[in-house]
Amino acid sequence: ADDMPAFHLFSATARILPTHNRRVAAKFMRVLRERGIQVHAGARVCEVTPGAVRIEGGETCAVDEVIWATEAGAPAWPAAAGLAEDRDGFIAVADTLEATSHPGGGAAGDVAAVVNHPREKAGVFAVRQGRPLHANLRRAVRGEPLAPFRPQRAFLSLITTGDRYAVASRGAWSVEGRWVWKWKDWIDRRFMHRFSRLPDMPAEDSADPELARLAPPEQVRELAGAGMRCAGCGSKVGATILDRVLSRLSPYQRNDVVAGLDALDDAAIEQVPDGMLAVRTVDAFPAIVDDPYLFGRITANHCLGDIHAMGAEPRSALAIVTVPAGPEEKTEALLRDLLAGVVEALREAETALVGGHTTEGAELTLGLALSGVADPARVLRKRGMQPGNRLILTAPVGTGTLFAARMRRRSKGRWIAGAVQSMLQSSRAAAGCLAAHGATACTDVTGFGLLGHLLEMARASDVDTRLTLSAIPLLDGARETLAQGYLSSLHPHNARLGPDAAANDGVAANPIYPIVFDPQTAGGLLASVPGERAAACVLELRALGYDHAAVVGSVEPPGRHDRRVQIDP
């Protein structure tokens, strides 16, 4: 019994569940007592230290773990955007759900506070504001008066006790029982079912008379003709749109660029220093995220990885963009956000955007053609690996499986957010660190996966290598999505390289074994470093912010094995 954990519940209010009636609070106090949970009511926690919680008044309680349960909090961006707020920092909206400080702009859900009808933050209020706001937005577009919205005063709460038992609460009424839990489960599943089984979209009616009320005639004509778009140079984005977009960009300026965006020449011109090698690369792919600005940064970072991996200095870039056909202002906004992300990532790499090409197509696609220079004595290639080197990977892998799961709505938001942050991290500083520690060969890990790129290095260097599966750093969630079988569409092609590697001691049966074939977007660098310098190199990489950098294998003389890569557990 001494090994059983003890639980303490600290509440700043005089009783638990203060927004519910006293009978509901009493029912939960009974449940808490039955489970041996000690309730500290009216005990506001003022400090948490390692191993203890301190309450206002000085009392302390020894603890091993702390879990916080807080009320809804307002984000910082409404205030930064100049929106009027209520006293708790939520966007102040009128009865019409318009922002009180910005008529014409609306807000709904937990981020909003209806100033004339203050309510606690509860899902029932949030979800029921969506339709009234949608209706008022359509009224605003049609120039009609907006309709007021009045939220309900009371609502039904079904609160589970965690053991297929629940308590119902509404106003002064409450009941409890297993049937209440079944009722709650039925409601919850019916609600979530609406988001997993979406109805078919209705067929568009080009003769809808409301189109003329919602958009100017020129936009109606543009939308009506969207299915008849020209090819060839007739598919280019209009010059006036490009001029407006480019006028709002501030690309990095280089003195060695003779003619770039500020010139009207047919091609960019740049000077190449004497005695340096010219380095060229190109890459392009469809949007991997919905935000065009983030997509621009990720793509630029992905393309720059080739230059960084070669130990070269990127100098200029040409952008190749395909945008879906749409209204002019939408195309302009999309291009502006996309290229703003590109320019920011290029600026961090001291690289100038010097030109490009834009065209219409089925989906948003972005590519960059990059040029750089490298010192012949310092350039890094794939063929320089030497026996005794250690293999260092600077970033975790798993973008392929995570985004495959996302396409099927089976990934968690925090997993994708973590993957995006990893893809946004430049490899520039990592390349400098690897070079400083005597790297003999390097590549960036991208579409062909970790094994594919390692095989390229091993063949080019004529060496054998060992890869330790358990040492490969994984993005958060990649282990789970692999276990569920979510693989990139490129994964089967990468897996054809499997026979070129030997998996030892049942490694192929390991649930994370498929990660070696997982295609990466904006992945990290894979480099061979002298064995005696590998540990120091990893420490410095982590100090530079590459928190998952790790030694993942070693380089051996050729002929040790019958395959170029041996994969160990």
Protein backbone atom coordinates (compact mmCIF):
# COMPACT_ATOMS: atom_id res chain seq x y z
CA ALA A 1 0.00 0.00 0.00
CA ASP A 2 2.95 2.33 0.65
CA ASP A 3 3.82 2.07 -3.04
CA MET A 4 0.45 3.48 -4.12
CA PRO A 5 0.62 7.09 -5.27
CA ALA A 6 -1.22 9.75 -3.29
CA PHE A 7 -3.12 12.45 -5.16
CA HIS A 8 -3.78 16.03 -4.05
CA LEU A 9 -6.16 18.44 -5.78
CA PHE A 10 -5.51 22.14 -5.16
CA SER A 11 -8.27 24.61 -6.06
CA ALA A 12 -8.07 28.39 -5.74
CA THR A 13 -11.86 28.54 -5.29
CA ALA A 14 -13.68 27.82 -2.03
CA ARG A 15 -15.25 24.71 -3.57
CA ILE A 16 -14.65 22.60 -6.64
CA LEU A 17 -16.76 23.17 -9.78
CA PRO A 18 -17.86 26.64 -8.64
CA THR A 19 -19.84 27.32 -11.87
CA HIS A 20 -22.07 24.29 -11.22
CA ASN A 21 -24.73 23.83 -8.55
CA ARG A 22 -23.75 22.59 -5.09
CA ARG A 23 -25.28 19.15 -5.63
CA VAL A 24 -22.93 18.55 -8.56
CA ALA A 25 -19.96 19.68 -6.49
CA ALA A 26 -21.07 17.37 -3.67
CA LYS A 27 -21.29 14.38 -6.03
CA PHE A 28 -17.73 14.96 -7.22
CA MET A 29 -16.46 15.50 -3.69
CA ARG A 30 -17.90 12.08 -2.87
CA VAL A 31 -16.16 10.50 -5.88
CA LEU A 32 -12.86 12.16 -4.93
CA ARG A 33 -13.11 10.89 -1.34
CA GLU A 34 -13.92 7.38 -2.53
CA ARG A 35 -10.73 7.44 -4.62
CA GLY A 36 -8.57 8.74 -1.81
CA ILE A 37 -7.88 12.10 -3.43
CA GLN A 38 -7.22 14.86 -0.92
CA VAL A 39 -8.92 18.13 -1.89
CA HIS A 40 -7.38 21.46 -0.86
CA ALA A 41 -10.16 24.00 -1.49
CA GLY A 42 -9.40 27.70 -1.30
CA ALA A 43 -5.70 26.88 -1.71
CA ARG A 44 -4.20 29.04 -4.44
CA VAL A 45 -0.85 27.68 -5.58
CA CYS A 46 1.71 30.48 -5.70
CA GLU A 47 4.90 28.54 -6.42
CA VAL A 48 6.03 25.17 -7.72
CA THR A 49 9.55 24.06 -6.90
CA PRO A 50 11.30 20.76 -7.56
CA GLY A 51 9.52 18.30 -5.30
CA ALA A 52 7.05 20.72 -3.68
CA VAL A 53 4.01 22.95 -4.17
CA ARG A 54 3.65 26.11 -2.08
CA ILE A 55 0.25 27.58 -1.27
CA GLU A 56 -0.52 31.21 -0.47
CA GLY A 57 -0.06 31.53 3.28
CA GLY A 58 3.15 29.51 3.33
CA GLU A 59 1.95 25.90 3.52
CA THR A 60 3.87 23.46 1.31
CA CYS A 61 3.08 19.98 0.04
CA ALA A 62 5.69 17.48 -1.16
CA VAL A 63 4.96 16.21 -4.69
CA ASP A 64 6.63 14.13 -7.38
CA GLU A 65 4.62 15.28 -10.40
CA VAL A 66 2.43 18.34 -11.07
CA ILE A 67 -0.41 18.59 -13.61
CA TRP A 68 -1.96 21.99 -14.21
CA ALA A 69 -5.62 22.39 -15.22
CA THR A 70 -6.32 26.02 -16.12
CA GLU A 71 -9.17 27.99 -17.61
CA ALA A 72 -9.07 29.27 -21.17
CA GLY A 73 -6.46 31.92 -21.77
CA ALA A 74 -6.36 34.57 -24.47
CA PRO A 75 -3.56 34.51 -27.05
CA ALA A 76 -1.25 37.50 -27.41
CA TRP A 77 -1.90 38.30 -31.08
CA PRO A 78 -5.29 40.16 -30.74
CA ALA A 79 -3.68 42.86 -28.60
CA ALA A 80 -0.65 42.98 -30.88
CA ALA A 81 -3.00 43.43 -33.86
CA GLY A 82 -4.73 46.37 -32.17
CA LEU A 83 -8.07 44.63 -31.60
CA ALA A 84 -10.22 45.75 -28.68
CA GLU A 85 -10.27 43.19 -25.86
CA ASP A 86 -12.25 42.43 -22.77
CA ARG A 87 -10.57 42.48 -19.37
CA ASP A 88 -9.31 38.92 -19.87
CA GLY A 89 -7.66 39.63 -23.24
CA PHE A 90 -10.30 38.07 -25.53
CA ILE A 91 -11.47 39.86 -28.67
CA ALA A 92 -14.41 42.12 -27.78
CA VAL A 93 -17.31 41.55 -30.20
CA ALA A 94 -20.75 43.12 -30.48
CA ASP A 95 -24.06 41.23 -30.61
CA THR A 96 -23.48 40.79 -34.35
CA LEU A 97 -20.13 39.08 -33.60
CA GLU A 98 -18.28 42.00 -35.22
CA ALA A 99 -15.10 43.16 -33.51
CA THR A 100 -16.04 46.32 -31.62
CA SER A 101 -12.86 48.05 -32.75
CA HIS A 102 -12.92 46.80 -36.35
CA PRO A 103 -16.41 46.76 -37.94
CA GLY A 104 -16.43 44.34 -40.83
CA GLY A 105 -14.18 41.87 -39.05
CA GLY A 106 -15.74 39.08 -37.00
CA ALA A 107 -14.67 36.60 -34.35
CA ALA A 108 -16.30 33.56 -32.78
CA GLY A 109 -15.42 30.79 -30.36
CA ASP A 110 -13.19 30.89 -27.32
CA VAL A 111 -11.08 33.72 -28.75
CA ALA A 112 -14.10 36.05 -28.70
CA ALA A 113 -16.10 37.66 -25.87
CA VAL A 114 -19.62 38.97 -26.59
CA VAL A 115 -19.46 42.12 -24.47
CA ASN A 116 -23.23 42.38 -23.88
CA HIS A 117 -23.59 38.71 -23.02
CA PRO A 118 -20.63 37.55 -20.92
CA ARG A 119 -20.44 33.78 -20.63
CA GLU A 120 -17.90 31.30 -19.31
CA LYS A 121 -15.66 29.59 -21.84
CA ALA A 122 -17.49 26.43 -22.86
CA GLY A 123 -17.63 24.51 -26.08
CA VAL A 124 -21.39 24.85 -26.41
CA PHE A 125 -21.08 28.62 -26.73
CA ALA A 126 -18.13 28.43 -29.11
CA VAL A 127 -19.63 26.01 -31.64
CA ARG A 128 -22.99 27.79 -31.73
CA GLN A 129 -21.44 31.07 -32.81
CA GLY A 130 -20.18 29.66 -36.10
CA ARG A 131 -23.44 29.70 -38.07
CA PRO A 132 -24.54 33.19 -36.92
CA LEU A 133 -21.13 34.59 -37.85
CA HIS A 134 -21.25 32.84 -41.25
CA ALA A 135 -24.72 34.26 -41.91
CA ASN A 136 -23.62 37.77 -40.92
CA LEU A 137 -20.54 37.60 -43.14
CA ARG A 138 -22.78 36.79 -46.09
CA ARG A 139 -25.12 39.63 -45.11
CA ALA A 140 -22.15 42.00 -45.01
CA VAL A 141 -21.04 40.96 -48.50
CA ARG A 142 -24.59 41.57 -49.78
CA GLY A 143 -24.78 44.93 -48.03
CA GLU A 144 -27.62 43.83 -45.75
CA PRO A 145 -28.05 44.71 -42.03
CA LEU A 146 -26.38 42.25 -39.65
CA ALA A 147 -28.50 40.15 -37.30
CA PRO A 148 -27.80 40.13 -33.54
CA PHE A 149 -26.79 36.92 -31.79
CA ARG A 150 -27.84 36.12 -28.23
CA PRO A 151 -26.13 33.12 -26.59
CA GLN A 152 -28.15 30.85 -24.33
CA ARG A 153 -27.82 31.37 -20.60
CA ALA A 154 -27.76 27.79 -19.32
CA PHE A 155 -26.32 24.68 -20.90
CA LEU A 156 -26.12 20.98 -20.22
CA SER A 157 -22.82 19.61 -18.94
CA LEU A 158 -22.13 15.88 -18.94
CA ILE A 159 -19.02 15.32 -16.82
CA THR A 160 -17.43 11.88 -16.72
CA THR A 161 -15.75 10.52 -13.63
CA GLY A 162 -13.45 8.39 -15.77
CA ASP A 163 -15.02 4.99 -15.09
CA ARG A 164 -17.95 4.92 -17.54
CA TYR A 165 -19.91 6.94 -15.01
CA ALA A 166 -20.97 10.56 -15.43
CA VAL A 167 -22.80 13.43 -13.79
CA ALA A 168 -25.26 15.69 -15.67
CA SER A 169 -25.58 19.34 -14.68
CA ARG A 170 -27.83 22.14 -15.92
CA GLY A 171 -28.71 25.10 -13.73
CA ALA A 172 -30.02 23.78 -10.42
CA TRP A 173 -30.67 20.29 -11.81
CA SER A 174 -28.34 17.30 -11.74
CA VAL A 175 -28.41 13.50 -12.10
CA GLU A 176 -25.74 10.82 -12.20
CA GLY A 177 -25.26 7.25 -13.31
CA ARG A 178 -23.80 4.94 -15.92
CA TRP A 179 -26.69 5.81 -18.22
CA VAL A 180 -25.53 9.43 -18.13
CA TRP A 181 -22.09 8.30 -19.36
CA LYS A 182 -23.72 6.32 -22.20
CA TRP A 183 -25.72 9.43 -23.07
CA LYS A 184 -22.54 11.53 -23.11
CA ASP A 185 -20.67 8.93 -25.18
CA TRP A 186 -23.49 8.88 -27.75
CA ILE A 187 -23.50 12.70 -28.04
CA ASP A 188 -19.71 12.91 -28.32
CA ARG A 189 -19.47 10.20 -30.96
CA ARG A 190 -22.30 11.72 -32.99
CA PHE A 191 -20.55 15.11 -32.90
CA MET A 192 -17.15 13.73 -33.95
CA HIS A 193 -18.78 11.61 -36.64
CA ARG A 194 -19.68 14.84 -38.44
CA PHE A 195 -15.98 15.55 -38.94
CA SER A 196 -14.93 12.06 -40.03
CA ARG A 197 -17.78 11.41 -42.49
CA LEU A 198 -18.09 14.64 -44.45
CA PRO A 199 -21.11 15.08 -46.77
CA ASP A 200 -20.59 15.35 -50.51
CA MET A 201 -20.18 18.91 -51.73
CA PRO A 202 -23.19 20.12 -53.72
CA ALA A 203 -22.67 20.65 -57.42
CA GLU A 204 -21.93 24.29 -58.26
CA ASP A 205 -24.62 26.12 -60.16
CA SER A 206 -23.02 28.67 -62.50
CA ALA A 207 -26.43 30.32 -62.90
CA ASP A 208 -26.84 31.01 -59.18
CA PRO A 209 -28.35 34.52 -59.05
CA GLU A 210 -26.63 35.17 -55.71
CA LEU A 211 -23.24 35.26 -57.49
CA ALA A 212 -24.12 38.65 -58.91
CA ARG A 213 -24.84 39.92 -55.39
CA LEU A 214 -21.67 38.48 -53.85
CA ALA A 215 -19.03 39.55 -56.38
CA PRO A 216 -18.43 42.21 -59.03
CA PRO A 217 -19.27 41.24 -62.62
CA GLU A 218 -15.60 40.90 -63.62
CA GLN A 219 -14.98 38.39 -60.84
CA VAL A 220 -18.10 36.43 -61.77
CA ARG A 221 -16.83 36.23 -65.35
CA GLU A 222 -13.36 35.21 -64.14
CA LEU A 223 -14.75 32.45 -61.95
CA ALA A 224 -17.14 31.26 -64.67
CA GLY A 225 -14.23 30.85 -67.07
CA ALA A 226 -11.87 29.23 -64.59
CA GLY A 227 -12.20 25.87 -66.34
CA MET A 228 -10.93 27.27 -69.65
CA ARG A 229 -7.35 28.36 -68.92
CA CYS A 230 -4.72 28.72 -71.62
CA ALA A 231 -1.47 26.77 -71.69
CA GLY A 232 1.99 27.80 -72.86
CA CYS A 233 2.93 31.39 -72.07
CA GLY A 234 -0.79 32.14 -71.88
CA SER A 235 -0.77 30.46 -68.48
CA LYS A 236 1.63 33.01 -66.95
CA VAL A 237 0.52 35.13 -64.02
CA GLY A 238 -0.23 38.67 -65.18
CA ALA A 239 2.56 41.27 -65.11
CA THR A 240 0.58 43.75 -63.02
CA ILE A 241 0.06 41.15 -60.30
CA LEU A 242 3.78 40.34 -60.30
CA ASP A 243 4.74 44.02 -60.19
CA ARG A 244 2.57 44.62 -57.13
CA VAL A 245 3.89 41.50 -55.37
CA LEU A 246 7.55 42.25 -56.08
CA SER A 247 7.17 45.87 -55.00
CA ARG A 248 6.28 44.66 -51.50
CA LEU A 249 9.26 42.31 -51.17
CA SER A 250 12.65 43.28 -49.80
CA PRO A 251 15.04 40.57 -51.02
CA TYR A 252 18.60 40.37 -49.76
CA GLN A 253 20.96 42.52 -51.80
CA ARG A 254 24.39 41.32 -52.91
CA ASN A 255 27.06 43.45 -54.53
CA ASP A 256 28.06 40.58 -56.83
CA VAL A 257 24.59 40.49 -58.44
CA VAL A 258 24.92 42.72 -61.51
CA ALA A 259 21.31 42.34 -62.71
CA GLY A 260 18.54 40.96 -60.54
CA LEU A 261 14.92 41.74 -59.67
CA ASP A 262 15.53 45.47 -59.99
CA ALA A 263 16.52 45.09 -63.66
CA LEU A 264 14.30 44.40 -66.67
CA ASP A 265 16.74 42.03 -68.35
CA ASP A 266 15.80 38.58 -69.58
CA ALA A 267 18.19 36.83 -67.22
CA ALA A 268 20.04 37.54 -63.98
CA ILE A 269 23.75 38.35 -64.08
CA GLU A 270 26.23 37.81 -61.26
CA GLN A 271 29.98 37.92 -60.85
CA VAL A 272 31.85 34.74 -59.89
CA PRO A 273 35.03 35.18 -57.81
CA ASP A 274 38.29 34.00 -59.35
CA GLY A 275 39.47 30.59 -58.19
CA MET A 276 36.07 29.51 -56.84
CA LEU A 277 33.87 26.63 -58.01
CA ALA A 278 30.31 27.37 -59.17
CA VAL A 279 27.71 25.20 -57.38
CA ARG A 280 24.21 24.74 -58.87
CA THR A 281 21.10 22.93 -57.63
CA VAL A 282 17.34 22.90 -58.22
CA ASP A 283 14.39 21.41 -56.36
CA ALA A 284 10.60 21.81 -56.42
CA PHE A 285 7.50 20.18 -54.97
CA PRO A 286 3.79 20.80 -54.23
CA ALA A 287 2.72 22.51 -51.01
CA ILE A 288 3.30 20.35 -47.94
CA VAL A 289 1.54 22.79 -45.57
CA ASP A 290 -1.51 25.02 -46.00
CA ASP A 291 0.18 28.29 -45.03
CA PRO A 292 1.89 29.69 -48.19
CA TYR A 293 4.34 31.73 -46.11
CA LEU A 294 5.52 28.64 -44.21
CA PHE A 295 5.58 26.66 -47.45
CA GLY A 296 7.87 29.30 -48.95
CA ARG A 297 10.27 29.15 -46.00
CA ILE A 298 10.30 25.34 -45.92
CA THR A 299 10.95 25.03 -49.66
CA ALA A 300 13.76 27.60 -49.60
CA ASN A 301 15.30 25.85 -46.60
CA HIS A 302 15.01 22.48 -48.37
CA CYS A 303 16.72 23.80 -51.52
CA LEU A 304 19.45 25.59 -49.57
CA GLY A 305 20.30 22.27 -47.91
CA ASP A 306 22.02 21.06 -51.10
CA ILE A 307 24.33 24.09 -51.11
CA HIS A 308 25.08 23.87 -47.37
CA ALA A 309 25.83 20.14 -47.66
CA MET A 310 28.53 20.88 -50.25
CA GLY A 311 30.29 23.29 -47.93
CA ALA A 312 29.39 26.07 -50.38
CA GLU A 313 28.11 29.61 -49.98
CA PRO A 314 24.68 30.23 -51.57
CA ARG A 315 24.53 33.49 -53.55
CA SER A 316 21.41 33.73 -55.70
CA ALA A 317 18.10 32.00 -56.35
CA LEU A 318 15.49 31.83 -59.11
CA ALA A 319 11.94 30.96 -58.01
CA ILE A 320 9.64 28.75 -60.08
CA VAL A 321 6.01 29.02 -58.91
CA THR A 322 2.77 27.36 -60.01
CA VAL A 323 -0.41 28.84 -58.54
CA PRO A 324 -4.00 27.63 -58.92
CA ALA A 325 -6.19 29.82 -61.13
CA GLY A 326 -8.38 32.18 -59.16
CA PRO A 327 -9.50 35.77 -58.65
CA GLU A 328 -6.75 38.31 -59.17
CA GLU A 329 -6.59 39.50 -55.56
CA LYS A 330 -6.42 35.91 -54.29
CA THR A 331 -3.57 35.09 -56.66
CA GLU A 332 -1.74 38.23 -55.60
CA ALA A 333 -2.16 37.49 -51.88
CA LEU A 334 -1.01 33.89 -52.36
CA LEU A 335 2.09 34.92 -54.31
CA ARG A 336 2.90 37.68 -51.84
CA ASP A 337 2.78 35.37 -48.82
CA LEU A 338 4.63 32.57 -50.62
CA LEU A 339 7.49 34.75 -51.82
CA ALA A 340 7.68 36.56 -48.49
CA GLY A 341 8.52 33.21 -46.90
CA VAL A 342 11.08 32.47 -49.61
CA VAL A 343 12.74 35.87 -49.22
CA GLU A 344 12.96 35.52 -45.43
CA ALA A 345 14.68 32.12 -45.62
CA LEU A 346 17.03 33.38 -48.35
CA ARG A 347 17.85 36.49 -46.31
CA GLU A 348 18.94 34.31 -43.37
CA ALA A 349 21.30 32.57 -45.81
CA GLU A 350 22.51 35.91 -47.29
CA THR A 351 21.13 34.83 -50.66
CA ALA A 352 19.53 37.13 -53.24
CA LEU A 353 16.30 36.32 -55.06
CA VAL A 354 17.21 37.46 -58.59
CA GLY A 355 14.25 36.33 -60.72
CA GLY A 356 11.96 33.45 -61.58
CA HIS A 357 8.83 32.37 -63.39
CA THR A 358 5.15 32.08 -62.42
CA THR A 359 2.44 30.08 -64.11
CA GLU A 360 -1.05 28.74 -63.41
CA GLY A 361 -1.58 25.07 -62.65
CA ALA A 362 -3.65 22.53 -60.78
CA GLU A 363 -1.99 23.04 -57.38
CA LEU A 364 0.43 25.32 -55.59
CA THR A 365 4.00 24.28 -56.38
CA LEU A 366 7.27 26.02 -55.60
CA GLY A 367 10.83 25.39 -56.64
CA LEU A 368 14.14 27.20 -56.46
CA ALA A 369 17.18 27.08 -58.71
CA LEU A 370 20.13 28.08 -56.53
CA SER A 371 23.66 29.08 -57.37
CA GLY A 372 26.61 29.33 -55.03
CA VAL A 373 30.36 29.18 -54.87
CA ALA A 374 32.77 26.89 -53.06
CA ASP A 375 36.47 26.93 -52.27
CA PRO A 376 38.00 23.96 -54.16
CA ALA A 377 40.02 23.08 -51.05
CA ARG A 378 36.96 23.03 -48.79
CA VAL A 379 34.14 21.67 -50.92
CA LEU A 380 32.39 18.63 -49.42
CA ARG A 381 31.09 15.82 -51.58
CA LYS A 382 29.51 12.42 -51.00
CA ARG A 383 32.63 10.51 -51.95
CA GLY A 384 34.97 11.52 -49.12
CA MET A 385 34.02 9.05 -46.36
CA GLN A 386 36.97 7.27 -44.74
CA PRO A 387 37.17 4.15 -42.54
CA GLY A 388 37.09 5.11 -38.88
CA ASN A 389 34.75 8.07 -39.48
CA ARG A 390 31.53 8.36 -37.50
CA LEU A 391 28.22 9.18 -39.18
CA ILE A 392 26.48 12.23 -37.73
CA LEU A 393 22.85 13.17 -38.43
CA THR A 394 21.95 16.76 -37.51
CA ALA A 395 18.13 16.55 -37.46
CA PRO A 396 15.40 14.02 -36.63
CA VAL A 397 13.59 12.15 -39.41
CA GLY A 398 9.93 11.28 -39.97
CA THR A 399 8.32 13.99 -42.12
CA GLY A 400 7.22 11.45 -44.73
CA THR A 401 5.20 9.24 -42.39
CA LEU A 402 3.85 12.19 -40.37
CA PHE A 403 2.47 14.03 -43.39
CA ALA A 404 1.14 10.79 -44.87
CA ALA A 405 -0.84 10.38 -41.63
CA ARG A 406 -1.91 14.03 -41.77
CA MET A 407 -3.40 13.51 -45.23
CA ARG A 408 -5.58 10.81 -43.67
CA ARG A 409 -6.40 12.94 -40.60
CA ARG A 410 -4.57 10.55 -38.33
CA SER A 411 -1.80 12.81 -37.03
CA LYS A 412 -1.84 15.01 -33.96
CA GLY A 413 -1.46 18.76 -34.28
CA ARG A 414 1.60 18.90 -32.05
CA TRP A 415 3.33 16.26 -34.18
CA ILE A 416 2.87 18.31 -37.35
CA ALA A 417 3.83 21.52 -35.54
CA GLY A 418 7.05 19.85 -34.40
CA ALA A 419 7.80 18.61 -37.91
CA VAL A 420 7.23 22.09 -39.34
CA GLN A 421 9.62 23.62 -36.82
CA SER A 422 12.24 21.03 -37.77
CA MET A 423 11.78 21.80 -41.48
CA LEU A 424 12.19 25.51 -40.78
CA GLN A 425 15.61 25.04 -39.16
CA SER A 426 18.42 26.01 -41.51
CA SER A 427 21.39 23.67 -41.95
CA ARG A 428 23.78 26.58 -42.47
CA ALA A 429 25.25 26.62 -38.97
CA ALA A 430 25.34 22.81 -38.90
CA ALA A 431 27.38 22.75 -42.11
CA GLY A 432 29.89 25.17 -40.62
CA CYS A 433 30.17 23.08 -37.46
CA LEU A 434 30.70 19.85 -39.40
CA ALA A 435 33.39 21.48 -41.54
CA ALA A 436 35.13 22.86 -38.45
CA HIS A 437 35.31 19.33 -37.02
CA GLY A 438 36.92 17.91 -40.15
CA ALA A 439 33.94 16.41 -41.98
CA THR A 440 35.14 14.33 -44.92
CA ALA A 441 31.82 13.92 -46.76
CA CYS A 442 28.31 15.32 -46.44
CA THR A 443 24.83 15.23 -47.95
CA ASP A 444 21.38 16.46 -47.00
CA VAL A 445 18.79 13.82 -46.16
CA THR A 446 15.74 14.44 -48.35
CA GLY A 447 13.52 12.48 -50.74
CA PHE A 448 15.47 9.22 -50.98
CA GLY A 449 15.45 8.78 -47.20
CA LEU A 450 18.30 8.17 -44.78
CA LEU A 451 19.26 4.79 -46.26
CA GLY A 452 19.10 6.02 -49.86
CA HIS A 453 21.43 8.95 -49.22
CA LEU A 454 23.79 6.86 -47.09
CA LEU A 455 24.04 4.30 -49.88
CA GLU A 456 24.95 7.07 -52.32
CA MET A 457 27.76 8.18 -50.01
CA ALA A 458 29.02 4.64 -49.41
CA ARG A 459 29.12 3.80 -53.12
CA ALA A 460 30.78 7.07 -54.08
CA SER A 461 33.39 6.62 -51.31
CA ASP A 462 33.87 2.87 -51.92
CA VAL A 463 33.45 2.03 -48.24
CA ASP A 464 31.15 -0.04 -46.08
CA THR A 465 29.05 1.53 -43.34
CA ARG A 466 27.14 0.55 -40.23
CA LEU A 467 23.88 2.27 -39.27
CA THR A 468 22.44 1.91 -35.74
CA LEU A 469 18.64 1.90 -35.91
CA SER A 470 18.08 2.82 -32.25
CA ALA A 471 20.40 5.84 -32.58
CA ILE A 472 18.38 7.50 -35.36
CA PRO A 473 16.56 10.55 -33.91
CA LEU A 474 12.83 10.57 -34.68
CA LEU A 475 10.36 13.42 -34.89
CA ASP A 476 7.66 13.33 -32.24
CA GLY A 477 4.82 11.08 -33.47
CA ALA A 478 6.82 9.32 -36.19
CA ARG A 479 7.04 6.12 -34.14
CA GLU A 480 3.25 6.08 -33.73
CA THR A 481 2.41 6.79 -37.38
CA LEU A 482 4.88 4.15 -38.56
CA ALA A 483 3.27 1.62 -36.22
CA GLN A 484 -0.11 2.45 -37.75
CA GLY A 485 1.24 1.87 -41.25
CA TYR A 486 1.13 5.43 -42.58
CA LEU A 487 3.83 5.68 -45.23
CA SER A 488 4.67 8.24 -47.89
CA SER A 489 3.74 7.44 -51.49
CA LEU A 490 7.50 7.53 -52.27
CA HIS A 491 8.24 5.01 -49.50
CA PRO A 492 7.73 1.86 -51.64
CA HIS A 493 10.23 3.16 -54.22
CA ASN A 494 12.79 3.93 -51.50
CA ALA A 495 12.19 0.50 -49.98
CA ARG A 496 13.49 -1.09 -53.19
CA LEU A 497 16.92 -0.17 -51.85
CA GLY A 498 16.40 -2.64 -49.00
CA PRO A 499 18.32 -5.50 -50.68
CA ASP A 500 21.38 -3.21 -50.85
CA ALA A 501 21.50 -3.13 -47.04
CA ALA A 502 21.84 -5.97 -44.54
CA ALA A 503 19.56 -5.77 -41.51
CA ASN A 504 21.07 -7.70 -38.59
CA ASP A 505 19.43 -9.62 -35.72
CA GLY A 506 15.82 -9.20 -36.73
CA VAL A 507 16.17 -5.46 -37.33
CA ALA A 508 13.76 -5.65 -40.27
CA ALA A 509 11.01 -6.74 -37.86
CA ASN A 510 11.52 -3.67 -35.68
CA PRO A 511 8.46 -1.35 -35.94
CA ILE A 512 10.69 1.66 -36.67
CA TYR A 513 12.78 -0.08 -39.35
CA PRO A 514 10.74 1.59 -42.16
CA ILE A 515 12.08 4.97 -41.00
CA VAL A 516 15.29 4.36 -42.98
CA PHE A 517 13.22 4.58 -46.20
CA ASP A 518 11.13 7.59 -45.10
CA PRO A 519 11.48 10.54 -47.53
CA GLN A 520 12.35 13.81 -45.80
CA THR A 521 11.44 17.38 -46.68
CA ALA A 522 13.99 19.99 -45.57
CA GLY A 523 15.83 17.26 -43.69
CA GLY A 524 19.10 17.60 -41.83
CA LEU A 525 22.65 16.85 -42.90
CA LEU A 526 24.36 13.43 -42.84
CA ALA A 527 28.13 13.70 -42.58
CA SER A 528 31.18 11.57 -41.88
CA VAL A 529 33.47 13.02 -39.20
CA PRO A 530 36.77 11.67 -37.82
CA GLY A 531 35.97 9.30 -34.96
CA GLU A 532 37.98 11.19 -32.35
CA ARG A 533 36.08 14.42 -33.09
CA ALA A 534 32.55 13.06 -33.39
CA ALA A 535 31.50 13.49 -29.74
CA ALA A 536 32.72 17.10 -29.61
CA CYS A 537 30.99 17.80 -32.92
CA VAL A 538 27.63 16.53 -31.62
CA LEU A 539 27.97 18.61 -28.45
CA GLU A 540 28.63 21.75 -30.48
CA LEU A 541 25.74 21.00 -32.84
CA ARG A 542 23.38 20.71 -29.89
CA ALA A 543 24.72 23.97 -28.45
CA LEU A 544 23.90 25.58 -31.82
CA GLY A 545 20.26 24.47 -31.50
CA TYR A 546 20.36 21.13 -33.31
CA ASP A 547 18.93 19.38 -30.26
CA HIS A 548 18.57 15.95 -31.89
CA ALA A 549 22.01 15.75 -33.51
CA ALA A 550 23.45 12.28 -32.96
CA VAL A 551 26.06 9.76 -34.03
CA VAL A 552 24.05 7.18 -35.99
CA GLY A 553 26.74 4.91 -37.40
CA SER A 554 30.30 4.40 -38.58
CA VAL A 555 32.42 3.94 -41.70
CA GLU A 556 34.39 0.74 -42.28
CA PRO A 557 36.85 -0.49 -44.93
CA PRO A 558 35.28 -1.95 -48.07
CA GLY A 559 34.69 -5.69 -48.30
CA ARG A 560 33.92 -6.19 -44.61
CA HIS A 561 30.34 -7.11 -45.47
CA ASP A 562 28.45 -8.26 -48.53
CA ARG A 563 26.37 -5.06 -48.49
CA ARG A 564 27.38 -1.41 -48.40
CA VAL A 565 25.24 -0.74 -45.32
CA GLN A 566 24.85 -2.95 -42.26
CA ILE A 567 21.87 -1.96 -40.10
CA ASP A 568 22.27 -2.88 -36.44
CA PRO A 569 19.62 -2.73 -33.70
